[in-house]
Amino acid sequence: MKEIRRLLLMLFGCLAVSAILYGNTIRGQFVYDDSFISTREELRETSHLSKLWTEPFLPKNVTAGVYKPIPVFTFSLNFLLFGESTTSFHITNIVLNGLTIFLVWLVTWQLFGNPLLAVFSAALFAFFPIHTETVANIKSRDEILAALFGLSAWSAFLRATKSDKIDPGLLALSAVLVLGALLSKEFAIAIPVIILAIHWIKLRPSVRGLVKLSLPYVGAVGLYLLLRIDTLAEYAFRFGREPFVVNPLVYTDFWTRFWTAGKIAFLYISKTFIPWKLSATYHYNHLTVVHNPFTAWQTAAGFSLLGILIYLLINRRIRVTPVGIGTLIFLLSYFVFSKFIFPSGDIVAERWMYFPSVGFALIGGQGFVSLFNYRKEVALVIMAILLSMYAWITITRNTVWLSQKSLYESMIASAPDSVTGHVFLADTYFDEGKYEEGTPHLLEAATIYQDYPPVLNLEGVLAYRNENYELANQLFHRSLEISPGEGRTIVLYALSLSNIGRYEESNNLLEPMFWSVADNPLARFVMAVNLYKLGNPRESHKYFDAVPGKTEEDKITVLEHF
């Protein structure tokens, strides 16, 4: 009963800490990549829940190779149970984060039996400001869920192997939870490796015994791969090729990726403990790739830090301690997203440090335990000051995720030479009809990187608005050359072609991929215009529902005068 009381006390304490740190995110809107969720009407339908398990994360872009049904399932439940308000989405993230903090405490306690270490480690994990993107950004729930399932799997494994006699039920439960982590985020592939590696380091089981323990996880990974292949087919192991602006490493050689990995390691390690200049974008010009390691001090610093961590791991006296175990957690996690082996995706994303930071929380926790044992008052004062600073940074930084405008303005502030903040802030202003406010940001984005499709698209929109239709066509055409198949560009180009009477060309461009933009009112309007002008008015009416509140006569008038 005493143990249950302690568990409940810690659980509610962790939930309360999460609520205090992230409570001001509740009023935040859908921003940035949240559009992957908010624009999917089918997530509001109960009948679609069962289909979520067999469809890509981006149903209209299967080539991206992303499959994580559990986060999408929870997003759908948010819509179905609580409606359109983003409040429930943010509260869910806060609760899941609180549960993850609790599991950091629980697993640390199970591993080392030191309650003080468990409290210090969980506190550091809870307060790390680098987690703000993960919790404040709705879409990043996949990171929280992967960590939550992964730590739950680890806790079940520790209970299963607590005595010489393995508990097969708990081991099977651990494997199921690993599957849940994989179905939340692909990076979770490192979690069963971490669990087994730490078990081997601490207890040194026989090879045969370790193989037997690994079999349930092999089954879980195998089932995940089967589901992934069944859903993504030929794209199961082929990831999307991001534009140069998003990740220039995709277009470089191995050694450039390798040297840049050192720089990336420095950023992740330093910003976890010293959250200076946190940023929501590390795209082109904010994080430059490293061709020559002798000209980039961050690369040297990064590899030096990695060297220290590797030494801590191979040192026999240290590797079984919280410092060694924490090092292993980070290194195995970092390997997956270091980019010198798997370059796809964003070049750097602070949200990816959510689970790996468990390792740094352990290292920091052990440091405070050692200081506590030497000077109790000093340790507590330093911890209080550090957590207060972290809390202030976290709560303040949460506000950048409240709206599109605040997010993009923060991107410009933290990365003024990066194209991303400027082009997306311009897009936000254009959507509001504030072209004068948006144009300077568009011009700045074009100066940084002209051939970025979103830049070309906005330049095309501006040319179209100024009735320079030929220039608009050229810009949209150039955008499609760089990024073929981009739905938004095709719709804009089709509209521009229709506007100058090239209806058949517009229709031939739009029709083959209309299924992917069928919920776009502008796409439906362009299709209606093309069909009407090509002599098929009856067919055109199927698509003209994009203009609500108009009679059939009004719709025909619009079509005739387009």
Protein backbone atom coordinates (compact mmCIF):
# COMPACT_ATOMS: atom_id res chain seq x y z
CA MET A 1 0.00 0.00 0.00
CA LYS A 2 2.87 2.36 0.82
CA GLU A 3 4.45 1.71 -2.58
CA ILE A 4 1.17 2.36 -4.39
CA ARG A 5 0.78 5.62 -2.48
CA ARG A 6 4.28 6.65 -3.53
CA LEU A 7 3.58 5.78 -7.16
CA LEU A 8 0.35 7.77 -7.19
CA LEU A 9 2.01 10.72 -5.48
CA MET A 10 4.77 10.79 -8.08
CA LEU A 11 2.29 10.33 -10.92
CA PHE A 12 0.17 13.30 -9.88
CA GLY A 13 3.29 15.33 -9.17
CA CYS A 14 4.63 14.68 -12.68
CA LEU A 15 1.27 15.57 -14.25
CA ALA A 16 1.18 18.78 -12.21
CA VAL A 17 4.70 19.74 -13.28
CA SER A 18 3.78 19.16 -16.92
CA ALA A 19 0.65 21.29 -16.51
CA ILE A 20 2.61 24.13 -14.90
CA LEU A 21 5.30 24.13 -17.57
CA TYR A 22 3.01 23.77 -20.58
CA GLY A 23 -0.35 25.09 -19.41
CA ASN A 24 0.05 28.23 -21.53
CA THR A 25 0.07 26.12 -24.72
CA ILE A 26 -3.63 25.28 -24.30
CA ARG A 27 -4.77 28.35 -26.24
CA GLY A 28 -2.46 27.56 -29.16
CA GLN A 29 -3.82 27.09 -32.67
CA PHE A 30 -3.00 24.52 -35.32
CA VAL A 31 0.34 25.68 -36.71
CA TYR A 32 2.93 24.61 -39.27
CA ASP A 33 2.92 20.79 -39.71
CA ASP A 34 -0.32 20.56 -37.72
CA SER A 35 -1.98 21.04 -41.12
CA PHE A 36 -1.30 17.33 -41.71
CA ILE A 37 -3.97 16.76 -39.05
CA SER A 38 -6.33 19.72 -39.21
CA THR A 39 -6.99 19.46 -42.97
CA ARG A 40 -7.96 15.78 -42.90
CA GLU A 41 -11.77 15.74 -42.78
CA GLU A 42 -11.88 11.94 -42.52
CA LEU A 43 -10.36 12.15 -39.03
CA ARG A 44 -13.74 13.52 -37.90
CA GLU A 45 -15.50 10.29 -38.97
CA THR A 46 -15.90 7.33 -36.61
CA SER A 47 -16.05 4.95 -39.55
CA HIS A 48 -12.52 5.92 -40.52
CA LEU A 49 -10.89 4.86 -37.22
CA SER A 50 -10.30 1.29 -38.38
CA LYS A 51 -8.79 2.48 -41.67
CA LEU A 52 -6.11 4.53 -39.93
CA TRP A 53 -4.09 1.40 -39.17
CA THR A 54 -3.61 0.56 -42.84
CA GLU A 55 -2.94 3.95 -44.39
CA PRO A 56 0.16 6.18 -44.54
CA PHE A 57 0.57 9.12 -42.21
CA LEU A 58 0.26 11.28 -45.34
CA PRO A 59 -2.40 9.46 -47.40
CA LYS A 60 -1.94 11.86 -50.32
CA ASN A 61 1.83 11.54 -50.27
CA VAL A 62 2.67 7.86 -49.83
CA THR A 63 6.09 8.49 -51.40
CA ALA A 64 7.14 10.22 -48.16
CA GLY A 65 7.33 6.74 -46.61
CA VAL A 66 5.78 7.71 -43.26
CA TYR A 67 3.68 5.23 -41.27
CA LYS A 68 2.64 6.00 -37.68
CA PRO A 69 -1.00 5.12 -37.07
CA ILE A 70 -1.14 5.49 -33.28
CA PRO A 71 -0.61 9.28 -33.22
CA VAL A 72 -3.16 9.71 -36.02
CA PHE A 73 -5.61 7.51 -34.10
CA THR A 74 -5.28 9.77 -31.04
CA PHE A 75 -5.74 12.89 -33.19
CA SER A 76 -8.93 11.39 -34.59
CA LEU A 77 -10.18 10.68 -31.06
CA ASN A 78 -9.54 14.32 -30.16
CA PHE A 79 -11.80 15.43 -33.01
CA LEU A 80 -14.49 12.83 -32.32
CA LEU A 81 -14.65 13.32 -28.56
CA PHE A 82 -13.99 17.03 -28.18
CA GLY A 83 -14.63 18.68 -31.55
CA GLU A 84 -12.61 21.20 -33.50
CA SER A 85 -11.08 23.15 -30.63
CA THR A 86 -7.33 22.72 -30.27
CA THR A 87 -7.69 22.77 -26.46
CA SER A 88 -8.14 19.00 -26.17
CA PHE A 89 -5.13 18.40 -28.42
CA HIS A 90 -2.87 20.47 -26.21
CA ILE A 91 -4.23 19.02 -22.96
CA THR A 92 -3.62 15.53 -24.34
CA ASN A 93 0.00 16.42 -25.12
CA ILE A 94 0.45 17.85 -21.61
CA VAL A 95 -0.98 14.71 -19.98
CA LEU A 96 1.12 12.38 -22.14
CA ASN A 97 4.22 14.43 -21.30
CA GLY A 98 3.41 14.14 -17.59
CA LEU A 99 3.08 10.36 -17.92
CA THR A 100 6.44 10.22 -19.70
CA ILE A 101 8.10 12.20 -16.91
CA PHE A 102 6.65 9.70 -14.44
CA LEU A 103 8.07 6.79 -16.44
CA VAL A 104 11.52 8.41 -16.50
CA TRP A 105 11.34 8.46 -12.70
CA LEU A 106 10.03 4.89 -12.52
CA VAL A 107 12.57 3.34 -14.92
CA THR A 108 15.45 5.16 -13.21
CA TRP A 109 14.28 3.87 -9.85
CA GLN A 110 13.93 0.34 -11.22
CA LEU A 111 17.38 0.44 -12.81
CA PHE A 112 19.36 1.81 -9.89
CA GLY A 113 17.14 1.64 -6.80
CA ASN A 114 18.15 5.19 -5.89
CA PRO A 115 15.10 7.39 -5.18
CA LEU A 116 17.15 10.58 -5.15
CA LEU A 117 18.66 9.81 -8.57
CA ALA A 118 15.17 9.03 -9.90
CA VAL A 119 13.78 12.36 -8.68
CA PHE A 120 16.70 14.44 -9.97
CA SER A 121 16.69 12.70 -13.37
CA ALA A 122 12.92 13.03 -13.82
CA ALA A 123 13.08 16.70 -12.81
CA LEU A 124 15.78 17.48 -15.36
CA PHE A 125 13.87 15.62 -18.08
CA ALA A 126 10.67 17.48 -17.20
CA PHE A 127 12.30 20.93 -17.29
CA PHE A 128 14.61 20.61 -20.33
CA PRO A 129 13.51 23.56 -22.55
CA ILE A 130 14.50 21.66 -25.70
CA HIS A 131 11.22 19.75 -25.21
CA THR A 132 9.05 22.79 -25.91
CA GLU A 133 8.60 21.96 -29.58
CA THR A 134 7.60 18.40 -28.72
CA VAL A 135 4.88 19.33 -26.24
CA ALA A 136 3.70 22.69 -27.58
CA ASN A 137 3.43 21.55 -31.21
CA ILE A 138 0.42 19.26 -31.61
CA LYS A 139 1.83 17.18 -34.44
CA SER A 140 4.93 16.29 -32.38
CA ARG A 141 2.80 14.04 -30.20
CA ASP A 142 4.39 11.15 -32.09
CA GLU A 143 7.65 11.84 -30.20
CA ILE A 144 5.87 11.75 -26.83
CA LEU A 145 3.97 8.57 -27.66
CA ALA A 146 7.11 6.78 -28.85
CA ALA A 147 8.90 7.71 -25.62
CA LEU A 148 5.86 6.79 -23.52
CA PHE A 149 5.52 3.35 -25.09
CA GLY A 150 9.29 2.83 -25.09
CA LEU A 151 9.73 3.64 -21.40
CA SER A 152 6.68 1.53 -20.54
CA ALA A 153 8.26 -1.35 -22.46
CA TRP A 154 11.50 -0.85 -20.56
CA SER A 155 9.69 -0.81 -17.20
CA ALA A 156 7.86 -4.05 -18.09
CA PHE A 157 11.16 -5.62 -19.15
CA LEU A 158 12.83 -4.66 -15.86
CA ARG A 159 9.97 -6.26 -13.95
CA ALA A 160 10.10 -9.36 -16.19
CA THR A 161 13.83 -9.83 -15.52
CA LYS A 162 13.83 -8.81 -11.86
CA SER A 163 14.58 -12.35 -10.70
CA ASP A 164 16.45 -15.27 -12.22
CA LYS A 165 13.15 -16.63 -13.49
CA ILE A 166 11.94 -14.59 -16.46
CA ASP A 167 8.26 -13.63 -16.44
CA PRO A 168 7.09 -14.48 -20.00
CA GLY A 169 3.87 -12.47 -19.65
CA LEU A 170 5.67 -9.26 -18.76
CA LEU A 171 8.26 -9.89 -21.47
CA ALA A 172 5.49 -10.30 -24.02
CA LEU A 173 3.86 -7.12 -22.72
CA SER A 174 7.17 -5.31 -23.17
CA ALA A 175 7.35 -6.48 -26.80
CA VAL A 176 3.77 -5.28 -27.45
CA LEU A 177 4.68 -1.88 -26.00
CA VAL A 178 7.75 -1.73 -28.26
CA LEU A 179 5.39 -2.33 -31.18
CA GLY A 180 3.33 0.61 -29.92
CA ALA A 181 6.46 2.77 -29.90
CA LEU A 182 7.29 1.74 -33.47
CA LEU A 183 3.73 2.49 -34.60
CA SER A 184 4.18 5.96 -33.11
CA LYS A 185 7.58 6.89 -34.55
CA GLU A 186 10.11 5.12 -36.75
CA PHE A 187 13.03 6.24 -34.56
CA ALA A 188 11.76 3.88 -31.86
CA ILE A 189 13.66 1.09 -33.63
CA ALA A 190 16.52 2.03 -31.27
CA ILE A 191 14.49 1.33 -28.11
CA PRO A 192 14.64 -2.51 -27.98
CA VAL A 193 18.36 -2.29 -28.79
CA ILE A 194 18.82 0.09 -25.86
CA ILE A 195 16.84 -2.14 -23.50
CA LEU A 196 18.82 -5.27 -24.38
CA ALA A 197 22.20 -3.50 -24.50
CA ILE A 198 21.74 -2.06 -21.00
CA HIS A 199 20.55 -5.43 -19.69
CA TRP A 200 23.73 -7.01 -21.05
CA ILE A 201 25.97 -4.29 -19.61
CA LYS A 202 24.44 -4.49 -16.13
CA LEU A 203 23.88 -8.25 -15.72
CA ARG A 204 26.12 -9.93 -18.33
CA PRO A 205 23.71 -12.75 -19.27
CA SER A 206 24.84 -15.57 -21.51
CA VAL A 207 24.58 -15.11 -25.26
CA ARG A 208 21.88 -17.76 -25.34
CA GLY A 209 19.94 -16.01 -22.60
CA LEU A 210 20.20 -12.66 -24.37
CA VAL A 211 18.99 -14.20 -27.63
CA LYS A 212 15.96 -15.69 -25.85
CA LEU A 213 15.13 -12.30 -24.36
CA SER A 214 15.41 -10.65 -27.76
CA LEU A 215 13.01 -13.00 -29.56
CA PRO A 216 9.78 -11.20 -28.51
CA TYR A 217 11.28 -7.91 -29.73
CA VAL A 218 12.32 -9.52 -33.01
CA GLY A 219 8.69 -10.58 -33.39
CA ALA A 220 7.45 -7.06 -32.61
CA VAL A 221 9.83 -5.46 -35.09
CA GLY A 222 8.94 -8.10 -37.69
CA LEU A 223 5.22 -7.42 -37.29
CA TYR A 224 5.84 -3.70 -37.58
CA LEU A 225 7.82 -4.20 -40.79
CA LEU A 226 5.04 -6.35 -42.24
CA LEU A 227 2.45 -3.68 -41.45
CA ARG A 228 4.73 -1.02 -42.89
CA ILE A 229 5.31 -2.95 -46.12
CA ASP A 230 1.62 -3.75 -46.47
CA THR A 231 0.74 -0.06 -46.09
CA LEU A 232 3.55 1.67 -47.97
CA ALA A 233 4.44 -1.05 -50.51
CA GLU A 234 7.52 -0.01 -52.50
CA TYR A 235 7.91 3.12 -50.35
CA ALA A 236 8.27 1.18 -47.08
CA PHE A 237 12.02 1.70 -47.09
CA ARG A 238 12.26 4.61 -49.52
CA PHE A 239 11.92 7.96 -47.83
CA GLY A 240 10.91 11.22 -49.43
CA ARG A 241 13.60 13.38 -51.02
CA GLU A 242 13.23 16.73 -49.31
CA PRO A 243 14.01 19.99 -51.13
CA PHE A 244 17.56 21.29 -50.80
CA VAL A 245 16.29 24.10 -48.58
CA VAL A 246 14.85 21.65 -46.05
CA ASN A 247 17.83 19.30 -45.92
CA PRO A 248 20.90 19.92 -48.09
CA LEU A 249 22.54 16.75 -46.67
CA VAL A 250 20.33 14.66 -48.96
CA TYR A 251 22.30 16.07 -51.89
CA THR A 252 25.81 15.69 -50.46
CA ASP A 253 28.43 12.94 -50.19
CA PHE A 254 29.11 10.68 -47.21
CA TRP A 255 32.00 12.70 -45.79
CA THR A 256 30.04 15.94 -45.82
CA ARG A 257 27.27 14.15 -43.93
CA PHE A 258 29.84 12.71 -41.53
CA TRP A 259 31.47 16.04 -40.69
CA THR A 260 28.06 17.71 -40.38
CA ALA A 261 26.99 14.94 -37.98
CA GLY A 262 29.63 16.22 -35.55
CA LYS A 263 28.19 19.71 -35.77
CA ILE A 264 24.68 18.33 -35.26
CA ALA A 265 25.85 16.38 -32.21
CA PHE A 266 27.27 19.58 -30.71
CA LEU A 267 23.96 21.38 -31.26
CA TYR A 268 21.88 18.65 -29.65
CA ILE A 269 24.17 18.16 -26.64
CA SER A 270 24.78 21.85 -25.96
CA LYS A 271 21.18 22.97 -26.45
CA THR A 272 19.84 20.25 -24.16
CA PHE A 273 21.80 21.62 -21.20
CA ILE A 274 22.26 25.23 -22.34
CA PRO A 275 19.04 26.15 -24.22
CA TRP A 276 20.51 29.11 -26.07
CA LYS A 277 18.89 30.22 -29.32
CA LEU A 278 16.39 27.39 -29.56
CA SER A 279 14.78 27.44 -32.99
CA ALA A 280 11.87 25.86 -34.81
CA THR A 281 13.82 25.80 -38.08
CA TYR A 282 17.30 24.68 -39.03
CA HIS A 283 16.71 24.85 -42.76
CA TYR A 284 18.92 26.36 -45.43
CA ASN A 285 21.39 29.00 -44.22
CA HIS A 286 20.61 28.49 -40.53
CA LEU A 287 22.60 25.27 -40.21
CA THR A 288 25.25 25.13 -42.92
CA VAL A 289 26.72 21.78 -43.93
CA VAL A 290 30.40 21.08 -43.22
CA HIS A 291 32.65 20.26 -46.16
CA ASN A 292 35.90 20.87 -44.30
CA PRO A 293 36.01 19.95 -40.58
CA PHE A 294 38.95 22.29 -39.99
CA THR A 295 36.76 25.30 -40.77
CA ALA A 296 33.89 24.44 -38.40
CA TRP A 297 34.60 24.61 -34.67
CA GLN A 298 31.20 23.06 -33.88
CA THR A 299 32.27 19.90 -35.71
CA ALA A 300 35.44 19.63 -33.62
CA ALA A 301 33.46 20.35 -30.45
CA GLY A 302 30.81 17.82 -31.39
CA PHE A 303 33.26 15.02 -32.07
CA SER A 304 35.13 15.89 -28.87
CA LEU A 305 31.92 15.55 -26.88
CA LEU A 306 31.07 12.31 -28.65
CA GLY A 307 34.58 11.06 -27.89
CA ILE A 308 34.09 11.80 -24.19
CA LEU A 309 30.76 9.99 -24.22
CA ILE A 310 32.26 6.97 -25.96
CA TYR A 311 35.05 6.89 -23.36
CA LEU A 312 32.45 6.94 -20.58
CA LEU A 313 30.69 4.04 -22.27
CA ILE A 314 33.72 1.79 -22.73
CA ASN A 315 35.18 2.50 -19.28
CA ARG A 316 34.29 -0.59 -17.25
CA ARG A 317 33.80 1.29 -14.00
CA ILE A 318 31.60 3.97 -15.51
CA ARG A 319 29.47 2.14 -18.07
CA VAL A 320 27.32 0.39 -15.43
CA THR A 321 26.64 3.70 -13.64
CA PRO A 322 23.87 6.18 -14.50
CA VAL A 323 26.48 8.18 -16.45
CA GLY A 324 27.39 5.19 -18.63
CA ILE A 325 23.79 4.08 -19.08
CA GLY A 326 22.72 7.63 -19.93
CA THR A 327 25.53 7.84 -22.46
CA LEU A 328 24.37 4.64 -24.15
CA ILE A 329 20.79 5.90 -24.37
CA PHE A 330 21.88 9.08 -26.12
CA LEU A 331 24.43 7.51 -28.46
CA LEU A 332 22.13 4.78 -29.76
CA SER A 333 19.28 7.26 -30.21
CA TYR A 334 21.51 9.89 -31.80
CA PHE A 335 22.86 7.37 -34.32
CA VAL A 336 19.39 7.04 -35.87
CA PHE A 337 18.98 10.77 -36.58
CA SER A 338 22.62 11.87 -36.87
CA LYS A 339 22.09 12.13 -40.66
CA PHE A 340 25.36 10.62 -41.83
CA ILE A 341 23.66 7.25 -42.43
CA PHE A 342 20.00 8.23 -42.88
CA PRO A 343 20.00 11.75 -44.39
CA SER A 344 16.27 12.07 -45.16
CA GLY A 345 13.86 14.27 -43.21
CA ASP A 346 14.70 17.62 -41.61
CA ILE A 347 18.40 18.24 -41.13
CA VAL A 348 17.89 19.00 -37.41
CA ALA A 349 14.77 19.05 -35.25
CA GLU A 350 14.76 19.83 -31.54
CA ARG A 351 11.74 17.56 -31.06
CA TRP A 352 13.94 14.55 -31.87
CA MET A 353 15.82 15.04 -28.59
CA TYR A 354 12.78 14.08 -26.52
CA PHE A 355 13.65 10.41 -25.91
CA PRO A 356 17.47 10.77 -26.23
CA SER A 357 17.40 13.43 -23.52
CA VAL A 358 16.46 10.68 -21.05
CA GLY A 359 20.14 9.75 -21.25
CA PHE A 360 21.28 13.28 -20.44
CA ALA A 361 18.74 13.47 -17.60
CA LEU A 362 20.39 10.39 -16.08
CA ILE A 363 23.87 11.89 -16.47
CA GLY A 364 22.77 15.19 -14.95
CA GLY A 365 20.84 13.40 -12.23
CA GLN A 366 23.94 11.46 -11.19
CA GLY A 367 25.92 14.70 -11.10
CA PHE A 368 23.43 16.23 -8.69
CA VAL A 369 23.35 13.09 -6.54
CA SER A 370 27.14 13.25 -6.18
CA LEU A 371 26.95 16.94 -5.29
CA PHE A 372 24.08 16.24 -2.87
CA ASN A 373 26.12 13.61 -1.08
CA TYR A 374 28.96 16.12 -0.76
CA ARG A 375 27.06 19.35 -0.06
CA LYS A 376 23.33 18.84 0.33
CA GLU A 377 22.34 22.51 0.55
CA VAL A 378 24.51 23.51 -2.39
CA ALA A 379 23.01 20.78 -4.58
CA LEU A 380 19.46 21.78 -3.75
CA VAL A 381 20.12 25.48 -4.32
CA ILE A 382 21.79 24.88 -7.69
CA MET A 383 19.01 22.50 -8.74
CA ALA A 384 16.35 25.04 -7.73
CA ILE A 385 18.08 27.83 -9.66
CA LEU A 386 18.61 25.65 -12.73
CA LEU A 387 15.02 24.38 -12.81
CA SER A 388 13.70 27.92 -12.31
CA MET A 389 15.73 29.13 -15.29
CA TYR A 390 14.61 26.17 -17.40
CA ALA A 391 10.97 26.78 -16.41
CA TRP A 392 11.15 30.45 -17.36
CA ILE A 393 12.69 29.60 -20.76
CA THR A 394 10.13 26.84 -21.40
CA ILE A 395 7.05 28.85 -20.43
CA THR A 396 8.28 31.85 -22.43
CA ARG A 397 9.17 29.78 -25.47
CA ASN A 398 5.79 28.03 -25.50
CA THR A 399 4.23 31.26 -26.74
CA VAL A 400 5.94 31.02 -30.13
CA TRP A 401 3.75 28.03 -30.94
CA LEU A 402 0.45 29.81 -30.24
CA SER A 403 -0.19 30.94 -33.83
CA GLN A 404 1.24 30.75 -37.32
CA LYS A 405 2.38 34.35 -37.16
CA SER A 406 4.11 34.07 -33.78
CA LEU A 407 5.86 30.87 -34.90
CA TYR A 408 7.17 32.32 -38.14
CA GLU A 409 8.22 35.54 -36.46
CA SER A 410 10.19 33.45 -33.95
CA MET A 411 11.82 31.57 -36.84
CA ILE A 412 12.99 34.86 -38.33
CA ALA A 413 14.24 36.04 -34.94
CA SER A 414 16.24 32.85 -34.27
CA ALA A 415 17.30 32.24 -37.88
CA PRO A 416 17.17 35.54 -39.80
CA ASP A 417 19.22 34.14 -42.70
CA SER A 418 16.99 31.08 -43.13
CA VAL A 419 14.46 31.11 -45.95
CA THR A 420 11.75 29.23 -44.03
CA GLY A 421 10.50 31.85 -41.58
CA HIS A 422 10.37 34.58 -44.21
CA VAL A 423 8.49 32.59 -46.85
CA PHE A 424 5.93 31.15 -44.44
CA LEU A 425 5.30 34.49 -42.74
CA ALA A 426 4.75 35.98 -46.21
CA ASP A 427 2.32 33.15 -46.96
CA THR A 428 0.43 33.87 -43.74
CA TYR A 429 0.08 37.54 -44.63
CA PHE A 430 -1.03 36.68 -48.18
CA ASP A 431 -3.72 34.34 -46.81
CA GLU A 432 -5.02 37.28 -44.77
CA GLY A 433 -4.99 39.50 -47.86
CA LYS A 434 -2.17 41.62 -46.38
CA TYR A 435 0.05 41.69 -49.45
CA GLU A 436 1.90 44.85 -48.49
CA GLU A 437 2.99 43.31 -45.17
CA GLY A 438 3.91 39.98 -46.76
CA THR A 439 5.81 41.17 -49.81
CA PRO A 440 8.99 42.33 -47.96
CA HIS A 441 9.31 38.88 -46.37
CA LEU A 442 8.81 37.23 -49.76
CA LEU A 443 11.52 39.42 -51.29
CA GLU A 444 13.86 38.52 -48.41
CA ALA A 445 13.14 34.80 -48.89
CA ALA A 446 13.82 35.11 -52.64
CA THR A 447 17.13 36.81 -51.89
CA ILE A 448 18.17 33.92 -49.64
CA TYR A 449 17.07 31.11 -52.00
CA GLN A 450 15.16 31.90 -55.17
CA ASP A 451 14.49 28.37 -56.40
CA TYR A 452 12.54 27.16 -53.36
CA PRO A 453 9.07 26.06 -54.59
CA PRO A 454 7.12 27.90 -51.83
CA VAL A 455 8.98 31.08 -52.79
CA LEU A 456 8.22 30.60 -56.49
CA ASN A 457 4.57 29.85 -55.67
CA LEU A 458 4.13 33.04 -53.66
CA GLU A 459 5.86 35.06 -56.36
CA GLY A 460 3.42 33.48 -58.80
CA VAL A 461 0.47 34.40 -56.57
CA LEU A 462 1.71 37.97 -56.42
CA ALA A 463 2.17 38.11 -60.20
CA TYR A 464 -1.33 36.65 -60.70
CA ARG A 465 -2.79 39.26 -58.34
CA ASN A 466 -1.06 41.98 -60.37
CA GLU A 467 -2.59 40.45 -63.53
CA ASN A 468 0.82 39.43 -64.89
CA TYR A 469 -0.47 36.01 -65.87
CA GLU A 470 2.40 35.03 -68.15
CA LEU A 471 4.92 35.62 -65.35
CA ALA A 472 2.70 33.69 -62.95
CA ASN A 473 2.66 30.75 -65.39
CA GLN A 474 6.43 30.82 -65.69
CA LEU A 475 6.89 30.84 -61.92
CA PHE A 476 4.44 28.00 -61.30
CA HIS A 477 5.99 25.99 -64.13
CA ARG A 478 9.45 26.48 -62.64
CA SER A 479 8.18 25.41 -59.24
CA LEU A 480 6.80 22.18 -60.71
CA GLU A 481 10.08 21.48 -62.47
CA ILE A 482 11.86 21.58 -59.11
CA SER A 483 9.17 19.73 -57.15
CA PRO A 484 7.00 17.65 -59.53
CA GLY A 485 3.63 16.53 -58.25
CA GLU A 486 3.29 19.23 -55.59
CA GLY A 487 -0.49 19.58 -55.16
CA ARG A 488 -0.66 23.24 -54.26
CA THR A 489 1.57 24.24 -57.17
CA ILE A 490 -0.49 22.22 -59.65
CA VAL A 491 -3.71 23.89 -58.48
CA LEU A 492 -2.18 27.36 -58.75
CA TYR A 493 -0.70 26.62 -62.17
CA ALA A 494 -3.99 25.17 -63.39
CA LEU A 495 -5.82 28.31 -62.20
CA SER A 496 -3.32 30.54 -63.98
CA LEU A 497 -3.66 28.56 -67.22
CA SER A 498 -7.45 28.73 -67.06
CA ASN A 499 -7.30 32.47 -66.53
CA ILE A 500 -5.64 32.95 -69.93
CA GLY A 501 -7.99 30.55 -71.70
CA ARG A 502 -5.79 27.43 -71.78
CA TYR A 503 -8.61 25.31 -70.35
CA GLU A 504 -7.67 21.98 -71.89
CA GLU A 505 -4.05 22.31 -70.79
CA SER A 506 -5.22 23.27 -67.31
CA ASN A 507 -7.59 20.31 -67.17
CA ASN A 508 -4.92 17.87 -68.35
CA LEU A 509 -2.64 19.12 -65.61
CA LEU A 510 -5.21 18.98 -62.82
CA GLU A 511 -7.34 15.95 -63.64
CA PRO A 512 -4.75 13.14 -63.11
CA MET A 513 -4.02 14.21 -59.55
CA PHE A 514 -7.39 15.73 -58.66
CA TRP A 515 -8.06 12.97 -56.12
CA SER A 516 -5.25 14.32 -53.94
CA VAL A 517 -6.66 17.88 -53.85
CA ALA A 518 -10.38 17.08 -54.09
CA ASP A 519 -11.02 18.76 -50.73
CA ASN A 520 -9.42 22.00 -51.95
CA PRO A 521 -12.15 24.52 -52.89
CA LEU A 522 -9.86 26.27 -55.36
CA ALA A 523 -9.07 22.99 -57.12
CA ARG A 524 -12.79 22.20 -57.42
CA PHE A 525 -13.48 25.67 -58.79
CA VAL A 526 -10.75 25.36 -61.44
CA MET A 527 -12.07 21.95 -62.46
CA ALA A 528 -15.57 23.40 -62.76
CA VAL A 529 -14.31 26.28 -64.91
CA ASN A 530 -12.36 23.98 -67.22
CA LEU A 531 -15.24 21.57 -67.76
CA TYR A 532 -17.73 24.39 -68.35
CA LYS A 533 -15.49 26.18 -70.83
CA LEU A 534 -14.77 22.89 -72.62
CA GLY A 535 -18.50 22.39 -73.22
CA ASN A 536 -19.46 20.07 -70.37
CA PRO A 537 -21.63 22.22 -68.03
CA ARG A 538 -23.43 19.27 -66.43
CA GLU A 539 -20.15 17.65 -65.39
CA SER A 540 -18.80 20.98 -64.17
CA HIS A 541 -21.61 21.33 -61.62
CA LYS A 542 -20.23 18.30 -59.72
CA TYR A 543 -17.25 20.43 -58.72
CA PHE A 544 -18.86 23.81 -58.26
CA ASP A 545 -19.91 23.18 -54.66
CA ALA A 546 -16.77 25.11 -53.72
CA VAL A 547 -18.81 28.31 -54.01
CA PRO A 548 -21.37 27.97 -51.19
CA GLY A 549 -24.51 30.02 -50.87
CA LYS A 550 -25.00 30.62 -54.59
CA THR A 551 -27.89 29.56 -56.80
CA GLU A 552 -27.29 27.55 -59.97
CA GLU A 553 -27.86 30.73 -61.99
CA ASP A 554 -25.25 32.59 -59.95
CA LYS A 555 -22.77 29.75 -60.46
CA ILE A 556 -23.28 29.78 -64.21
CA THR A 557 -22.77 33.55 -64.27
CA VAL A 558 -19.45 33.14 -62.44
CA LEU A 559 -18.35 30.45 -64.90
CA GLU A 560 -19.34 32.45 -67.95
CA HIS A 561 -17.48 35.54 -66.82
CA PHE A 562 -14.32 33.81 -65.61
